N, C-alpha and C. Protein backbone atom coordinates (compact mmCIF):
# COMPACT_ATOMS: atom_id res chain seq x y z
N MET A 1 116.55 110.49 114.04
CA MET A 1 116.00 111.13 113.82
C MET A 1 115.23 111.63 114.97
N ARG A 2 116.10 111.97 116.25
CA ARG A 2 115.58 112.00 117.59
C ARG A 2 115.70 113.69 117.30
N ARG A 3 114.46 114.44 118.11
CA ARG A 3 113.98 115.48 119.35
C ARG A 3 116.34 115.23 119.58
N LYS A 4 116.52 116.53 120.05
CA LYS A 4 117.37 116.07 120.69
C LYS A 4 117.46 116.84 121.63
N ASP A 5 117.91 116.45 122.85
CA ASP A 5 117.46 116.90 124.14
C ASP A 5 118.94 117.16 125.05
N VAL A 6 118.76 118.20 125.46
CA VAL A 6 119.93 118.69 126.07
C VAL A 6 118.90 119.10 127.30
N ILE A 7 120.54 118.37 128.16
CA ILE A 7 119.94 117.62 130.16
C ILE A 7 120.72 119.90 129.85
N THR A 8 120.43 119.85 131.52
CA THR A 8 120.91 120.91 131.99
C THR A 8 121.22 120.45 133.39
N PRO A 9 122.48 121.42 134.13
CA PRO A 9 122.87 120.90 134.93
C PRO A 9 122.25 119.82 136.75
N GLU A 10 120.52 121.31 135.93
CA GLU A 10 119.23 120.79 136.90
C GLU A 10 118.71 120.63 137.28
N ALA A 11 119.24 119.74 135.46
CA ALA A 11 117.31 118.30 134.91
C ALA A 11 118.70 117.15 136.00
N SER A 12 119.75 117.31 135.72
CA SER A 12 120.30 116.34 135.78
C SER A 12 120.43 115.46 136.53
N VAL A 13 119.85 116.01 137.80
CA VAL A 13 120.32 115.91 139.15
C VAL A 13 118.74 114.65 139.66
N ARG A 14 117.85 115.41 138.31
CA ARG A 14 116.72 113.95 139.04
C ARG A 14 116.00 113.14 138.24
N THR A 15 116.85 112.09 137.95
CA THR A 15 117.98 111.28 136.90
C THR A 15 116.49 110.12 137.19
N PRO A 16 115.98 109.64 135.75
CA PRO A 16 114.71 108.67 135.92
C PRO A 16 115.02 107.98 136.01
N ARG A 17 114.26 106.01 136.59
CA ARG A 17 114.73 105.52 136.38
C ARG A 17 114.17 104.48 135.20
N ALA A 18 115.18 103.58 134.93
CA ALA A 18 114.20 102.92 133.90
C ALA A 18 113.43 101.67 134.20
N PRO A 19 112.35 101.41 133.73
CA PRO A 19 111.45 100.14 134.39
C PRO A 19 112.77 98.57 133.71
N ARG A 20 112.51 98.25 134.91
CA ARG A 20 113.00 96.97 134.98
C ARG A 20 112.25 95.59 134.87
N GLN A 21 111.17 95.95 134.85
CA GLN A 21 109.39 94.78 135.08
C GLN A 21 108.16 94.91 134.03
N ALA A 22 107.90 94.42 133.87
CA ALA A 22 106.64 93.90 132.93
C ALA A 22 105.84 95.68 133.62
N ARG A 23 105.55 95.09 133.98
CA ARG A 23 104.72 96.65 134.50
C ARG A 23 105.06 97.34 134.88
N GLY A 24 106.46 97.93 134.87
CA GLY A 24 107.07 99.04 135.21
C GLY A 24 107.30 99.93 133.35
N ARG A 25 107.16 98.53 132.57
CA ARG A 25 107.62 99.42 130.94
C ARG A 25 106.19 99.27 130.22
N GLU A 26 105.07 98.58 130.69
CA GLU A 26 103.17 98.50 130.87
C GLU A 26 103.06 100.38 131.14
N ARG A 27 103.54 100.70 132.23
CA ARG A 27 102.78 102.06 132.31
C ARG A 27 104.02 102.55 131.73
N ARG A 28 105.37 103.42 131.43
CA ARG A 28 105.82 104.07 130.74
C ARG A 28 105.65 104.47 129.51
N GLU A 29 104.95 102.64 128.74
CA GLU A 29 104.74 102.89 127.10
C GLU A 29 102.90 103.94 127.91
N GLN A 30 101.81 103.35 129.07
CA GLN A 30 101.41 104.51 129.35
C GLN A 30 101.14 105.56 129.03
N LEU A 31 101.89 105.83 129.35
CA LEU A 31 101.71 107.46 130.10
C LEU A 31 102.20 108.21 128.70
N LEU A 32 103.78 107.29 127.73
CA LEU A 32 103.63 108.12 126.67
C LEU A 32 102.51 108.00 125.50
N ASP A 33 101.97 106.75 125.67
CA ASP A 33 100.69 106.83 125.36
C ASP A 33 99.52 108.12 125.08
N ALA A 34 99.18 108.40 126.51
CA ALA A 34 99.31 109.78 126.69
C ALA A 34 99.51 110.95 125.53
N ALA A 35 100.89 110.63 126.50
CA ALA A 35 101.07 112.36 125.89
C ALA A 35 101.08 112.29 124.49
N ALA A 36 101.32 110.72 123.56
CA ALA A 36 100.82 110.48 122.23
C ALA A 36 99.14 111.14 121.64
N ALA A 37 98.85 111.39 122.29
CA ALA A 37 96.82 111.39 122.34
C ALA A 37 96.67 112.82 122.67
N LEU A 38 97.52 113.49 122.88
CA LEU A 38 97.76 114.58 123.43
C LEU A 38 98.05 115.60 122.24
N ILE A 39 99.21 114.96 122.12
CA ILE A 39 99.33 116.09 120.27
C ILE A 39 98.36 115.50 119.55
N ALA A 40 98.39 114.27 118.93
CA ALA A 40 97.04 114.08 118.37
C ALA A 40 95.89 115.26 118.35
N GLU A 41 95.06 115.10 119.88
CA GLU A 41 94.58 116.58 119.51
C GLU A 41 94.73 118.01 119.56
N SER A 42 95.22 118.10 120.13
CA SER A 42 95.54 119.44 120.98
C SER A 42 97.03 119.83 119.90
N GLY A 43 98.57 119.41 119.84
CA GLY A 43 99.42 119.92 119.32
C GLY A 43 100.59 119.77 120.38
N LEU A 44 101.45 120.00 119.96
CA LEU A 44 102.76 119.59 120.48
C LEU A 44 102.55 120.20 122.30
N ALA A 45 101.76 122.00 121.98
CA ALA A 45 101.42 122.31 123.46
C ALA A 45 100.86 122.64 124.17
N ALA A 46 100.57 120.84 123.93
CA ALA A 46 99.28 121.09 125.10
C ALA A 46 99.66 119.77 125.48
N VAL A 47 101.33 119.38 125.54
CA VAL A 47 101.79 118.54 127.20
C VAL A 47 102.17 119.18 127.68
N SER A 48 102.78 118.29 128.51
CA SER A 48 103.07 118.29 130.03
C SER A 48 103.10 117.76 130.92
N MET A 49 103.49 117.40 132.13
CA MET A 49 103.35 116.16 132.58
C MET A 49 102.69 116.26 133.79
N HIS A 50 101.90 117.70 133.79
CA HIS A 50 100.16 116.81 134.38
C HIS A 50 98.84 116.94 133.64
N ALA A 51 99.20 116.83 132.69
CA ALA A 51 98.25 116.60 131.53
C ALA A 51 98.70 115.60 131.41
N THR A 52 99.94 114.48 131.15
CA THR A 52 100.23 113.18 130.77
C THR A 52 99.38 112.38 131.89
N ALA A 53 99.74 112.65 132.95
CA ALA A 53 99.07 112.41 134.86
C ALA A 53 98.15 112.33 133.84
N ALA A 54 97.04 113.07 133.86
CA ALA A 54 95.69 113.37 134.03
C ALA A 54 94.44 112.14 132.53
N ARG A 55 96.09 112.77 131.81
CA ARG A 55 95.09 111.44 131.55
C ARG A 55 95.15 110.20 130.87
N ALA A 56 96.32 109.84 131.54
CA ALA A 56 97.23 108.56 131.81
C ALA A 56 96.56 108.12 132.70
N GLY A 57 95.54 108.55 133.72
CA GLY A 57 94.82 108.24 135.05
C GLY A 57 95.76 107.67 135.77
N ALA A 58 97.70 108.94 135.95
CA ALA A 58 98.99 108.29 136.82
C ALA A 58 98.42 109.47 137.95
N SER A 59 99.45 109.31 138.43
CA SER A 59 100.01 110.84 138.55
C SER A 59 101.02 110.80 138.97
N ILE A 60 101.47 112.50 139.08
CA ILE A 60 102.43 113.26 139.04
C ILE A 60 103.35 112.11 139.35
N GLY A 61 103.58 112.05 140.09
CA GLY A 61 104.90 111.50 141.19
C GLY A 61 105.42 110.38 139.69
N SER A 62 104.86 109.42 139.13
CA SER A 62 104.70 108.16 138.91
C SER A 62 104.84 108.99 137.11
N VAL A 63 104.95 110.03 136.60
CA VAL A 63 105.69 110.55 135.75
C VAL A 63 107.08 111.06 135.88
N TYR A 64 107.10 111.33 137.07
CA TYR A 64 108.91 111.82 137.32
C TYR A 64 109.18 111.15 137.93
N HIS A 65 108.99 109.57 137.52
CA HIS A 65 109.36 108.67 137.96
C HIS A 65 109.99 107.74 136.31
N PHE A 66 109.22 107.96 135.57
CA PHE A 66 110.22 107.65 134.74
C PHE A 66 110.53 108.55 133.53
N PHE A 67 110.89 109.42 133.82
CA PHE A 67 110.53 111.00 133.31
C PHE A 67 111.03 111.95 133.70
N ARG A 68 112.23 113.14 133.22
CA ARG A 68 112.86 113.81 134.35
C ARG A 68 112.17 115.16 133.39
N ASP A 69 111.57 115.81 132.60
CA ASP A 69 110.76 116.74 132.14
C ASP A 69 110.12 116.01 131.33
N LYS A 70 109.42 117.08 130.32
CA LYS A 70 108.83 117.13 129.77
C LYS A 70 109.15 117.26 127.98
N ASP A 71 110.40 117.50 127.93
CA ASP A 71 111.50 117.46 126.59
C ASP A 71 111.87 115.77 126.86
N GLN A 72 112.30 115.30 128.25
CA GLN A 72 113.40 113.58 128.09
C GLN A 72 111.35 112.88 128.16
N MET A 73 110.64 113.55 128.17
CA MET A 73 109.35 112.11 128.11
C MET A 73 109.37 112.52 126.29
N LEU A 74 109.08 113.67 125.41
CA LEU A 74 108.91 113.61 124.32
C LEU A 74 110.53 113.28 123.39
N ASP A 75 111.33 113.24 124.25
CA ASP A 75 112.41 112.87 122.91
C ASP A 75 112.23 110.69 122.82
N ALA A 76 111.44 110.35 124.55
CA ALA A 76 111.57 108.79 124.16
C ALA A 76 110.40 108.40 123.40
N LEU A 77 109.35 109.47 123.49
CA LEU A 77 107.89 108.95 121.73
C LEU A 77 109.01 109.26 120.76
N ALA A 78 110.22 110.05 120.50
CA ALA A 78 110.01 110.39 119.24
C ALA A 78 111.60 108.75 118.79
N GLU A 79 112.26 108.77 119.79
CA GLU A 79 112.71 107.04 120.03
C GLU A 79 111.85 106.14 119.67
N ARG A 80 110.80 106.15 119.72
CA ARG A 80 109.90 104.96 120.42
C ARG A 80 109.21 104.78 118.82
N HIS A 81 109.48 105.69 117.03
CA HIS A 81 108.86 106.19 116.10
C HIS A 81 110.31 105.67 115.42
N ASP A 82 111.23 106.37 116.45
CA ASP A 82 112.18 106.06 115.33
C ASP A 82 113.03 104.35 114.97
N VAL A 83 112.44 103.68 116.27
CA VAL A 83 112.47 101.98 116.93
C VAL A 83 111.64 101.59 115.07
N GLU A 84 110.93 102.11 115.34
CA GLU A 84 109.15 101.80 114.54
C GLU A 84 109.46 101.82 112.52
N LEU A 85 110.54 103.56 112.74
CA LEU A 85 110.52 103.62 111.23
C LEU A 85 112.55 103.30 110.80
N GLN A 86 112.76 102.65 111.34
CA GLN A 86 114.58 102.65 111.02
C GLN A 86 114.20 100.97 109.90
N PRO A 87 114.04 100.55 110.65
CA PRO A 87 113.74 98.79 109.20
C PRO A 87 113.36 99.41 107.34
N ALA A 88 112.24 100.13 107.97
CA ALA A 88 111.86 100.13 105.70
C ALA A 88 112.69 101.03 106.19
N PHE A 89 113.03 101.90 105.92
CA PHE A 89 114.78 102.46 105.91
C PHE A 89 115.44 102.18 105.32
N HIS A 90 115.55 101.23 106.63
CA HIS A 90 116.90 100.76 106.08
C HIS A 90 116.34 99.37 104.42
N ARG A 91 115.56 98.56 104.41
CA ARG A 91 114.88 98.55 103.48
C ARG A 91 114.83 98.82 101.64
N MET A 92 114.67 100.17 101.92
CA MET A 92 114.70 101.63 101.35
C MET A 92 116.24 102.12 100.81
N ARG A 93 117.28 101.87 101.66
CA ARG A 93 118.43 101.72 101.82
C ARG A 93 119.50 100.46 99.96
N GLU A 94 119.14 99.54 101.35
CA GLU A 94 119.51 98.50 100.48
C GLU A 94 118.46 97.78 99.01
N ARG A 95 117.78 98.76 98.76
CA ARG A 95 117.59 98.24 97.05
C ARG A 95 118.05 99.20 95.41
N SER A 96 119.12 98.17 94.60
CA SER A 96 119.96 98.36 94.16
C SER A 96 118.75 99.19 92.92
N ASP A 97 120.06 99.85 92.25
CA ASP A 97 119.99 100.60 91.25
C ASP A 97 118.82 100.16 90.99
N ALA A 98 119.16 98.76 89.99
CA ALA A 98 118.37 97.89 89.41
C ALA A 98 116.37 97.99 89.52
N GLU A 99 116.94 98.26 90.61
CA GLU A 99 115.42 97.48 91.22
C GLU A 99 114.39 98.80 91.28
N TRP A 100 115.19 99.90 91.77
CA TRP A 100 114.52 101.48 91.88
C TRP A 100 114.26 101.62 89.99
N ALA A 101 115.56 100.58 89.02
CA ALA A 101 115.18 101.81 87.81
C ALA A 101 113.69 100.73 87.05
N ALA A 102 113.85 99.97 87.50
CA ALA A 102 112.43 99.13 87.08
C ALA A 102 111.34 99.68 87.93
N LEU A 103 111.05 100.12 88.62
CA LEU A 103 109.85 100.40 89.06
C LEU A 103 108.88 100.97 88.26
N SER A 104 107.25 102.08 87.97
CA SER A 104 107.01 102.99 87.64
C SER A 104 107.43 103.99 88.59
N ALA A 105 106.49 105.32 88.08
CA ALA A 105 107.25 106.75 88.67
C ALA A 105 106.41 106.59 89.90
N SER A 106 105.20 105.63 89.92
CA SER A 106 104.06 105.66 91.37
C SER A 106 104.97 104.79 92.51
N GLU A 107 105.05 103.85 92.02
CA GLU A 107 105.86 102.85 93.02
C GLU A 107 106.99 103.36 93.78
N VAL A 108 107.86 104.08 92.70
CA VAL A 108 109.54 105.46 92.87
C VAL A 108 108.94 106.02 94.36
N PHE A 109 107.58 106.09 93.84
CA PHE A 109 107.67 107.33 95.27
C PHE A 109 106.67 107.03 96.50
N GLU A 110 106.43 105.78 96.45
CA GLU A 110 105.63 104.95 97.24
C GLU A 110 106.52 103.84 98.15
N GLN A 111 107.79 103.97 97.77
CA GLN A 111 109.02 103.33 98.79
C GLN A 111 109.31 103.74 98.66
N LEU A 112 109.77 105.78 98.54
CA LEU A 112 110.69 106.15 99.11
C LEU A 112 110.59 106.68 99.86
N ILE A 113 108.31 107.20 99.48
CA ILE A 113 108.16 108.02 100.82
C ILE A 113 107.46 108.00 101.23
N GLY A 114 106.46 107.29 100.54
CA GLY A 114 105.14 106.70 100.87
C GLY A 114 104.53 105.79 102.18
N TRP A 115 104.74 104.73 102.31
CA TRP A 115 104.96 104.46 103.93
C TRP A 115 105.51 105.60 104.74
N ALA A 116 106.76 105.71 104.73
CA ALA A 116 106.47 106.85 105.86
C ALA A 116 105.61 107.59 105.90
N LEU A 117 105.10 108.54 105.08
CA LEU A 117 104.09 109.56 105.12
C LEU A 117 102.59 108.68 106.08
N ARG A 118 102.31 107.06 105.56
CA ARG A 118 101.15 107.19 106.20
C ARG A 118 101.05 106.95 107.48
N TYR A 119 102.67 106.70 108.34
CA TYR A 119 103.16 106.73 109.18
C TYR A 119 102.71 107.67 110.16
N PHE A 120 103.04 108.94 109.61
CA PHE A 120 103.21 110.38 110.34
C PHE A 120 101.67 110.39 109.89
N VAL A 121 100.25 109.50 108.68
CA VAL A 121 99.68 110.14 109.14
C VAL A 121 98.88 109.69 110.40
N ARG A 122 99.58 108.38 110.77
CA ARG A 122 98.68 107.87 111.63
C ARG A 122 99.48 108.13 113.29
N HIS A 123 100.57 108.20 113.28
CA HIS A 123 100.61 109.14 114.47
C HIS A 123 101.39 110.70 114.61
N PRO A 124 99.96 111.41 114.14
CA PRO A 124 100.55 112.47 114.41
C PRO A 124 101.96 113.51 114.86
N ASP A 125 101.96 112.42 116.80
CA ASP A 125 103.20 112.95 117.68
C ASP A 125 104.33 112.45 116.59
N ALA A 126 104.40 111.93 116.12
CA ALA A 126 106.32 110.55 115.71
C ALA A 126 106.77 112.49 114.78
N LEU A 127 105.69 112.99 114.02
CA LEU A 127 105.99 114.04 113.03
C LEU A 127 105.77 115.25 113.78
N ALA A 128 105.30 115.57 115.07
CA ALA A 128 105.54 116.19 116.13
C ALA A 128 106.81 116.45 117.09
N THR A 129 107.28 115.16 117.26
CA THR A 129 108.78 114.77 118.15
C THR A 129 109.64 114.49 116.88
N LEU A 130 109.68 113.86 115.98
CA LEU A 130 110.98 113.73 115.25
C LEU A 130 111.46 114.78 114.65
N ASP A 131 112.80 114.90 114.38
CA ASP A 131 113.62 115.43 114.62
C ASP A 131 114.27 115.52 113.16
N LEU A 132 112.87 116.84 112.74
CA LEU A 132 113.16 116.45 110.92
C LEU A 132 114.53 117.18 110.36
N HIS A 133 115.54 118.20 111.72
CA HIS A 133 117.15 118.58 110.96
C HIS A 133 117.89 117.62 111.47
N ASP A 134 117.23 117.02 111.61
CA ASP A 134 118.87 116.08 112.23
C ASP A 134 120.08 115.30 110.97
N LYS A 135 120.92 115.88 110.56
CA LYS A 135 122.01 116.18 109.27
C LYS A 135 121.95 114.63 108.72
N THR A 136 122.64 113.41 110.08
CA THR A 136 123.06 112.46 109.58
C THR A 136 121.64 111.72 108.76
N THR A 137 120.36 111.74 108.46
CA THR A 137 119.20 110.89 108.42
C THR A 137 119.22 112.29 107.40
N HIS A 138 119.07 112.74 107.39
CA HIS A 138 118.36 113.76 106.26
C HIS A 138 119.97 113.45 104.86
N ALA A 139 121.19 113.43 105.59
CA ALA A 139 122.00 112.71 104.59
C ALA A 139 121.49 111.15 104.30
N GLU A 140 121.54 111.57 104.98
CA GLU A 140 120.93 109.07 103.57
C GLU A 140 119.86 109.13 103.21
N PHE A 141 119.57 109.67 103.72
CA PHE A 141 117.77 110.33 103.28
C PHE A 141 118.01 110.10 101.56
N ARG A 142 118.95 111.58 101.02
CA ARG A 142 119.88 112.67 100.27
C ARG A 142 120.52 111.69 99.61
N ALA A 143 120.43 110.87 99.77
CA ALA A 143 121.58 110.15 99.74
C ALA A 143 121.24 108.64 98.60
N VAL A 144 119.83 108.36 99.08
CA VAL A 144 118.85 107.58 98.25
C VAL A 144 118.15 108.07 97.19
N ILE A 145 117.43 109.03 97.89
CA ILE A 145 117.33 110.03 96.43
C ILE A 145 117.17 109.97 95.31
N ASP A 146 118.70 110.64 95.49
CA ASP A 146 120.13 111.34 94.44
C ASP A 146 120.67 109.82 93.93
N ARG A 147 120.43 109.06 94.32
CA ARG A 147 120.88 106.99 93.66
C ARG A 147 119.94 107.03 93.27
N VAL A 148 118.81 106.72 93.42
CA VAL A 148 117.52 107.34 92.70
C VAL A 148 117.16 107.82 91.77
N MET A 149 117.55 108.46 91.63
CA MET A 149 117.03 110.13 90.52
C MET A 149 118.40 110.04 89.24
N ARG A 150 119.11 109.16 89.40
CA ARG A 150 120.45 109.65 89.04
C ARG A 150 120.12 108.23 88.00
N ALA A 151 119.63 106.46 88.78
CA ALA A 151 119.42 105.58 87.03
C ALA A 151 118.54 105.76 87.34
N ARG A 152 117.35 106.75 87.24
CA ARG A 152 116.10 107.19 86.19
C ARG A 152 116.85 107.40 85.25
N LEU A 153 117.24 109.12 85.20
CA LEU A 153 117.09 110.13 84.96
C LEU A 153 118.53 109.94 84.43
N GLY A 154 119.43 109.45 84.86
CA GLY A 154 121.17 110.62 84.52
C GLY A 154 121.58 110.44 84.68
N PRO A 155 123.00 111.12 85.04
CA PRO A 155 124.07 112.36 86.14
C PRO A 155 123.26 113.18 86.27
N GLU A 156 123.61 114.37 84.94
CA GLU A 156 123.30 115.57 85.50
C GLU A 156 121.22 115.87 85.86
N ILE A 157 120.29 115.72 84.65
CA ILE A 157 118.73 115.94 85.39
C ILE A 157 119.02 115.00 86.80
N GLY A 158 118.65 113.84 87.14
CA GLY A 158 119.47 112.79 87.75
C GLY A 158 118.98 113.80 89.53
N ALA A 159 120.84 114.07 89.55
CA ALA A 159 120.93 115.40 90.53
C ALA A 159 120.09 116.71 91.07
N GLN A 160 119.56 117.10 89.92
CA GLN A 160 118.95 118.46 89.55
C GLN A 160 117.68 117.84 90.42
N ALA A 161 117.29 116.97 89.36
CA ALA A 161 115.42 115.85 90.79
C ALA A 161 116.13 116.08 92.32
N ALA A 162 116.99 115.61 92.46
CA ALA A 162 117.14 115.17 93.59
C ALA A 162 117.15 115.88 94.24
N THR A 163 117.17 116.84 93.91
CA THR A 163 117.46 118.66 95.17
C THR A 163 116.10 119.09 94.97
N THR A 164 115.13 118.86 94.73
CA THR A 164 114.27 119.69 93.91
C THR A 164 113.25 118.59 95.16
N PHE A 165 112.93 117.06 94.83
CA PHE A 165 112.37 115.94 95.58
C PHE A 165 112.38 116.26 96.95
N ASP A 166 113.88 116.56 97.45
CA ASP A 166 114.28 116.62 98.59
C ASP A 166 114.09 117.56 99.07
N ALA A 167 113.56 118.78 99.00
CA ALA A 167 113.42 120.06 99.06
C ALA A 167 111.79 119.95 99.52
N VAL A 168 111.20 119.22 98.37
CA VAL A 168 109.33 119.25 98.16
C VAL A 168 108.91 117.90 100.08
N VAL A 169 109.78 117.07 99.97
CA VAL A 169 110.05 116.08 100.97
C VAL A 169 109.44 116.99 102.04
N LEU A 170 110.97 117.79 102.66
CA LEU A 170 111.55 118.20 104.00
C LEU A 170 110.29 118.89 104.33
N GLY A 171 110.21 120.22 103.38
CA GLY A 171 110.27 121.56 103.21
C GLY A 171 107.50 120.98 103.83
N THR A 172 107.20 120.54 103.34
CA THR A 172 106.26 120.19 103.67
C THR A 172 106.55 119.25 104.65
N LEU A 173 106.78 118.12 105.10
CA LEU A 173 106.73 118.00 106.50
C LEU A 173 107.11 119.19 107.28
N LEU A 174 107.54 119.89 106.88
CA LEU A 174 108.52 121.05 108.37
C LEU A 174 106.60 121.92 108.55
N PHE A 175 106.10 122.16 106.55
CA PHE A 175 104.62 123.06 106.95
C PHE A 175 103.62 121.85 107.42
N THR A 176 103.88 121.06 107.36
CA THR A 176 102.30 121.04 107.94
C THR A 176 102.29 119.90 109.35
N ARG A 177 103.35 119.84 109.73
CA ARG A 177 103.66 119.29 111.31
C ARG A 177 103.40 121.15 111.86
N GLU A 178 102.58 122.09 110.86
CA GLU A 178 102.11 123.13 112.16
C GLU A 178 100.87 123.57 112.07
N GLN A 179 100.27 122.45 110.65
CA GLN A 179 98.36 122.44 110.30
C GLN A 179 97.61 121.68 111.35
N ASP A 180 96.77 122.33 110.75
CA ASP A 180 95.30 121.71 111.24
C ASP A 180 95.01 120.09 110.44
N PRO A 181 95.33 119.00 111.16
CA PRO A 181 95.43 117.82 111.05
C PRO A 181 94.44 117.98 109.11
N ARG A 182 93.59 118.10 109.62
CA ARG A 182 92.53 117.37 108.28
C ARG A 182 93.13 118.73 106.74
N SER A 183 93.73 119.76 107.47
CA SER A 183 94.80 119.93 106.04
C SER A 183 96.86 119.61 105.85
N ARG A 184 97.09 118.47 106.84
CA ARG A 184 97.85 117.86 107.04
C ARG A 184 98.14 116.57 105.35
N ASP A 185 97.01 115.94 106.27
CA ASP A 185 96.08 114.55 105.12
C ASP A 185 95.91 114.94 104.20
N VAL A 186 95.19 115.63 103.36
CA VAL A 186 95.13 116.29 102.60
C VAL A 186 97.24 116.64 101.99
N VAL A 187 97.54 117.13 102.06
CA VAL A 187 98.80 117.55 100.96
C VAL A 187 99.96 116.12 101.63
N VAL A 188 99.48 116.20 102.60
CA VAL A 188 100.78 114.31 103.12
C VAL A 188 100.32 113.12 102.04
N ALA A 189 98.95 113.88 101.88
CA ALA A 189 98.10 111.71 101.24
C ALA A 189 98.39 112.58 98.95
N ALA A 190 98.39 114.00 99.15
CA ALA A 190 98.98 114.20 97.90
C ALA A 190 100.31 114.41 97.15
N LEU A 191 100.91 114.22 98.26
CA LEU A 191 102.33 115.05 98.20
C LEU A 191 102.68 113.35 96.72
N PRO A 192 102.92 112.60 97.09
CA PRO A 192 103.49 111.05 96.11
C PRO A 192 102.67 111.23 94.95
N GLU A 193 102.04 111.41 93.84
CA GLU A 193 101.60 111.36 93.18
C GLU A 193 101.69 112.53 92.75
N MET A 194 102.06 114.16 93.62
CA MET A 194 101.78 114.61 92.44
C MET A 194 104.19 114.68 91.88
N MET A 195 105.22 113.99 93.14
CA MET A 195 106.28 113.90 92.33
C MET A 195 106.15 112.96 91.25
N ALA A 196 106.25 111.56 91.82
CA ALA A 196 105.64 110.91 90.41
C ALA A 196 104.82 112.08 88.90
N THR A 197 104.17 112.65 89.26
CA THR A 197 103.74 113.51 88.16
C THR A 197 104.51 113.92 87.26
N TYR A 198 105.49 114.30 88.25
CA TYR A 198 106.55 115.73 87.50
C TYR A 198 108.32 114.64 87.68
N LEU A 199 107.84 113.39 88.40
CA LEU A 199 108.95 112.21 87.56
C LEU A 199 108.87 111.69 86.37
N THR A 200 107.31 112.12 85.58
CA THR A 200 106.86 110.46 84.43
C THR A 200 107.23 111.52 82.87
N ALA A 201 107.62 113.10 84.14
CA ALA A 201 107.45 114.05 83.40
C ALA A 201 108.79 114.64 82.39
N LEU A 202 110.17 114.40 83.40
CA LEU A 202 111.22 113.93 83.84
C LEU A 202 111.72 112.92 82.94
N GLU A 203 111.19 112.63 82.91
CA GLU A 203 111.80 110.65 82.01
C GLU A 203 111.58 110.64 80.98
N ALA A 204 109.38 110.85 80.17
CA ALA A 204 109.89 111.37 79.15
C ALA A 204 110.54 112.53 77.87
N LYS A 205 111.11 114.13 79.02
CA LYS A 205 111.35 114.77 78.33
C LYS A 205 112.74 114.38 78.15
N ARG A 206 113.45 113.14 78.88
CA ARG A 206 114.92 112.70 78.26
C ARG A 206 114.35 112.12 77.70
N LYS A 207 113.76 111.14 77.23
CA LYS A 207 113.24 110.24 76.42
C LYS A 207 112.70 111.44 75.15
N ARG A 208 112.65 112.21 75.14
CA ARG A 208 112.21 112.70 73.51
C ARG A 208 113.68 113.07 73.47
N ALA A 209 114.66 113.42 74.39
CA ALA A 209 115.74 114.65 74.21
C ALA A 209 117.13 113.30 73.46
N ARG A 210 116.98 112.14 74.24
CA ARG A 210 117.80 111.67 73.74
C ARG A 210 117.23 110.71 72.32
N GLY A 211 116.96 110.07 71.46
CA GLY A 211 115.57 109.67 71.36
C GLY A 211 115.93 110.22 69.11
């Protein structure tokens, strides 16, 4: 889910040092916190090496000590969030079909996306820096959605529903990444309920067709 970090020949000459001591790790985290705060307040465009240094109360040399350039700093932010999100994503993948089938429609989308959306609301820099087009992660997420929908709706309707839900989630995240935080939060908060309502309607339609 991380940003793609492209290293140019010129940039590779200036390789940042990995912090080995607790003080260095703490300083690096402070710089990342400063960059995250800038993104939360003014968006991705507000982040620069100098702006991050000023926000953290550090020298510009300190920033370059840990990060080669802005892109690497943003990649480090994405990696930090990736580490936080992966355990929950793993638990979601490990749920059995029977467990998914036993949940209510609202519970399904809470377990699928609700937890992640709340994380993005709390951490706007995660939504801004994570690579939402990461093919591997997207394929894994799509596979879970497909499995859950097939378990609840059967092969044909389930596959169609999975395609719809996948498109809605990805499209919403890409859309809200560029929006004012207040508008973004409203859309993100409403999404699980909207999807649960649609799933409930599909399940009712399937029940009528079978009954």
